[in-house]
Protein backbone atom coordinates (compact mmCIF):
# COMPACT_ATOMS: atom_id res chain seq x y z
CA MET A 1 0.21 -0.02 -0.17
CA VAL A 2 1.47 3.50 -0.52
CA ARG A 3 1.07 5.27 1.92
CA LEU A 4 1.39 9.86 0.69
CA LEU A 5 0.83 12.49 3.66
CA PRO A 6 -1.89 14.73 2.98
CA LEU A 7 -1.37 18.49 2.46
CA SER A 8 -3.13 19.54 5.80
CA ALA A 9 -0.83 16.49 7.61
CA LEU A 10 2.41 18.61 6.66
CA LEU A 11 1.08 21.73 7.86
CA VAL A 12 1.06 20.63 11.00
CA VAL A 13 4.65 19.95 11.32
CA THR A 14 5.77 22.46 14.76
CA GLY A 15 8.07 22.59 17.11
CA SER A 16 11.36 21.34 17.26
CA LEU A 17 11.29 20.11 13.84
CA TRP A 18 9.75 23.02 12.38
CA GLY A 19 12.95 24.98 13.65
CA GLN A 20 15.39 21.72 11.95
CA ILE A 21 14.15 22.20 8.43
CA GLY A 22 13.25 26.49 9.24
CA GLN A 23 16.57 26.98 7.01
CA SER A 24 14.93 25.42 4.03
CA SER A 25 14.19 27.38 0.42
CA CYS A 26 11.24 24.16 -0.36
CA ARG A 27 8.09 24.72 2.03
CA PRO A 28 4.81 22.58 1.15
CA GLN A 29 2.48 24.53 -1.42
CA VAL A 30 -1.08 24.26 -1.54
CA ASP A 31 -2.40 21.82 -3.27
CA ASN A 32 -3.33 23.46 -7.21
CA ARG A 33 -4.29 20.18 -9.56
CA ARG A 34 -7.42 21.53 -11.20
CA VAL A 35 -10.71 19.12 -11.71
CA GLY A 36 -10.08 18.10 -15.48
CA SER A 37 -6.84 19.18 -16.31
CA ALA A 38 -3.35 17.55 -17.07
CA ILE A 39 -0.44 18.03 -15.57
CA GLU A 40 2.92 18.58 -17.52
CA LEU A 41 6.45 17.38 -16.19
CA PRO A 42 8.47 18.79 -18.98
CA PRO A 43 11.85 17.17 -19.25
CA GLY A 44 14.96 18.47 -18.44
CA ARG A 45 17.07 18.91 -14.90
CA TYR A 46 15.84 20.06 -11.73
CA ASP A 47 16.74 21.14 -8.56
CA LEU A 48 15.25 17.92 -6.21
CA THR A 49 14.79 18.74 -2.14
CA LEU A 50 13.25 16.28 0.00
CA VAL A 51 12.24 17.27 3.36
CA ALA A 52 11.68 14.37 6.15
CA ILE A 53 9.13 15.36 8.65
CA ALA A 54 8.57 11.22 9.38
CA GLY A 55 10.51 8.51 10.10
CA SER A 56 14.04 7.76 11.51
CA ALA A 57 15.28 11.15 10.03
CA ALA A 58 12.35 13.65 10.53
CA GLY A 59 13.48 17.29 9.98
CA ALA A 60 16.52 15.84 7.23
CA GLU A 61 16.56 17.71 4.33
CA ALA A 62 18.64 15.75 1.29
CA LYS A 63 18.96 17.77 -2.25
CA GLY A 64 20.31 16.60 -5.63
CA VAL A 65 19.44 16.85 -9.25
CA LEU A 66 16.17 15.00 -10.94
CA HIS A 67 17.04 14.87 -14.48
CA LEU A 68 13.15 13.47 -16.73
CA ARG A 69 13.49 12.51 -20.39
CA ARG A 70 10.41 11.52 -22.32
CA LEU A 71 10.48 8.73 -24.97
CA PRO A 72 9.37 9.50 -28.50
CA GLU A 73 5.93 8.96 -29.15
CA ILE A 74 6.13 5.84 -30.95
CA HIS A 75 7.30 3.92 -27.49
CA ASP A 76 5.14 3.70 -24.92
CA GLY A 77 3.15 6.71 -26.03
CA GLY A 78 5.91 9.00 -25.44
CA ALA A 79 6.29 7.88 -21.41
CA THR A 80 8.70 10.10 -18.89
CA TRP A 81 11.52 8.25 -17.01
CA GLY A 82 14.90 9.57 -15.56
CA ALA A 83 17.36 9.23 -13.03
CA VAL A 84 18.26 11.11 -9.43
CA GLU A 85 20.77 12.11 -7.79
CA LEU A 86 20.51 12.52 -4.25
CA ASP A 87 21.37 10.86 -0.79
CA PHE A 88 18.69 9.06 0.13
CA ALA A 89 19.38 7.48 3.23
CA ALA A 90 19.78 11.15 5.12
CA VAL A 91 15.67 11.56 4.55
CA GLY A 92 15.11 8.14 6.26
CA ALA A 93 13.81 7.27 2.00
CA PRO A 94 13.61 3.29 2.09
CA PHE A 95 16.60 1.72 -0.53
CA ALA A 96 17.22 -1.57 -0.42
CA GLY A 97 20.33 -1.77 -3.05
CA ASP A 98 19.74 -4.87 -4.28
CA SER A 99 19.53 -5.68 -7.93
CA THR A 100 15.38 -6.54 -7.66
CA VAL A 101 14.99 -3.06 -8.26
CA PRO A 102 17.00 -0.25 -10.70
CA SER A 103 19.07 2.22 -8.59
CA PRO A 104 17.46 5.79 -8.58
CA ASN A 105 20.38 6.79 -10.67
CA SER A 106 19.44 4.27 -13.76
CA THR A 107 19.83 5.81 -16.47
CA ASP A 108 18.92 2.97 -18.90
CA PRO A 109 15.18 3.59 -20.79
CA ALA A 110 14.73 0.24 -20.55
CA TRP A 111 15.54 0.32 -16.46
CA PRO A 112 15.14 4.02 -15.06
CA GLY A 113 15.60 5.11 -12.23
CA VAL A 114 12.93 7.17 -12.28
CA VAL A 115 9.29 6.42 -13.79
CA VAL A 116 6.51 9.39 -14.56
CA TYR A 117 3.51 7.32 -13.75
CA ARG A 118 0.01 9.79 -15.04
CA GLN A 119 -3.40 8.29 -14.07
CA GLN A 120 -5.80 10.41 -15.15
CA PRO A 121 -9.40 9.85 -13.41
CA ALA A 122 -12.18 8.09 -15.79
CA ASP A 123 -14.84 10.69 -13.31
CA THR A 124 -14.31 14.16 -14.83
CA ASN A 125 -14.95 15.48 -11.45
CA GLN A 126 -11.37 14.35 -9.60
CA VAL A 127 -8.08 15.86 -10.26
CA ALA A 128 -4.98 14.16 -12.17
CA ASN A 129 -2.89 11.76 -10.30
CA VAL A 130 1.18 12.18 -11.11
CA ARG A 131 4.11 10.02 -9.07
CA LEU A 132 7.49 9.55 -9.84
CA LEU A 133 8.49 6.31 -8.72
CA ILE A 134 12.01 6.37 -7.70
CA GLY A 135 13.86 2.89 -7.51
CA THR A 136 10.99 0.74 -7.71
CA ARG A 137 9.31 -2.18 -9.98
CA GLN A 138 7.00 -0.61 -11.66
CA GLY A 139 4.00 -2.06 -10.54
CA GLY A 140 5.39 -3.55 -7.64
CA LEU A 141 4.68 -2.74 -4.21
CA ASP A 142 6.68 -5.39 -2.80
CA GLY A 143 9.83 -4.04 -2.43
CA THR A 144 11.94 -0.68 -1.98
CA GLY A 145 11.86 2.84 -2.76
CA ILE A 146 9.57 5.88 -3.37
CA ALA A 147 7.20 7.99 -4.77
CA LEU A 148 6.64 11.61 -5.44
CA GLN A 149 3.17 12.63 -5.77
CA VAL A 150 2.70 15.85 -7.65
CA ARG A 151 0.10 18.28 -6.32
CA HIS A 152 1.45 21.58 -7.34
CA THR A 153 3.05 23.03 -10.53
CA SER A 154 4.25 26.18 -11.82
CA PRO A 155 6.13 27.51 -14.49
CA VAL A 156 9.57 26.95 -12.59
CA GLY A 157 8.79 23.16 -11.40
CA PHE A 158 6.36 21.56 -9.27
CA SER A 159 6.19 20.20 -5.30
CA GLY A 160 4.19 17.54 -3.31
CA THR A 161 4.57 15.04 -1.13
CA TRP A 162 6.81 11.95 -0.49
CA GLY A 163 6.65 8.80 0.72
CA GLU A 164 6.97 4.73 0.74
CA PHE A 165 6.20 2.67 -2.55
CA GLY A 166 6.30 -0.86 -1.54
CA ILE A 167 6.68 -2.57 2.00
CA ALA A 168 9.52 -1.04 3.45
CA ARG A 169 8.76 1.86 5.27
CA ASP A 170 10.86 4.44 7.47
CA GLY A 171 10.65 8.62 6.14
CA SER A 172 7.81 10.42 4.54
CA GLY A 173 7.36 14.25 4.07
CA TYR A 174 7.13 17.09 1.17
CA PHE A 175 9.94 17.75 -2.12
CA CYS A 176 10.45 20.53 -3.94
CA ALA A 177 11.73 20.22 -8.02
CA THR A 178 12.85 23.30 -9.70
CA ARG A 179 13.55 23.64 -13.45
CA ARG A 180 17.42 24.21 -13.90
CA ASP A 181 17.40 24.83 -17.55
């Protein structure tokens, strides 16, 4: 089961934890997804920040680089995939480091470190769901890895919440991705 924090849970961060992460330029954003509209994540390089608000590294922050690429339309409908370079252990993100899942920094399109998963609801009264699955087996919830749930987009990037995507449990929190080029 995927456990991603609702935005309301992020807004109750208080006390010493907020003091630890208060210096970060990454802040939780209000969900700006609209009913009936698609969410696009353009290919490119992004500065990625993960902030942990729960788990073994609550209050910690990790910064890295996210690379997004798009396959040509003739391959998988132009799926978006990529790789990320970041110290996930610093925020308690659950990764096993075994060969049954791709490494988050894998740039092999057949075994990518990041897969962008889009779910357009059948009901036109619901918002689109976009997740970046990192270090996971596509479609598998039995291993390790995390999902970034996109909840806010802007001309300079996107943000949202993150948590485990598999049976391994530990950190969760919020993230910011700012376009670098």
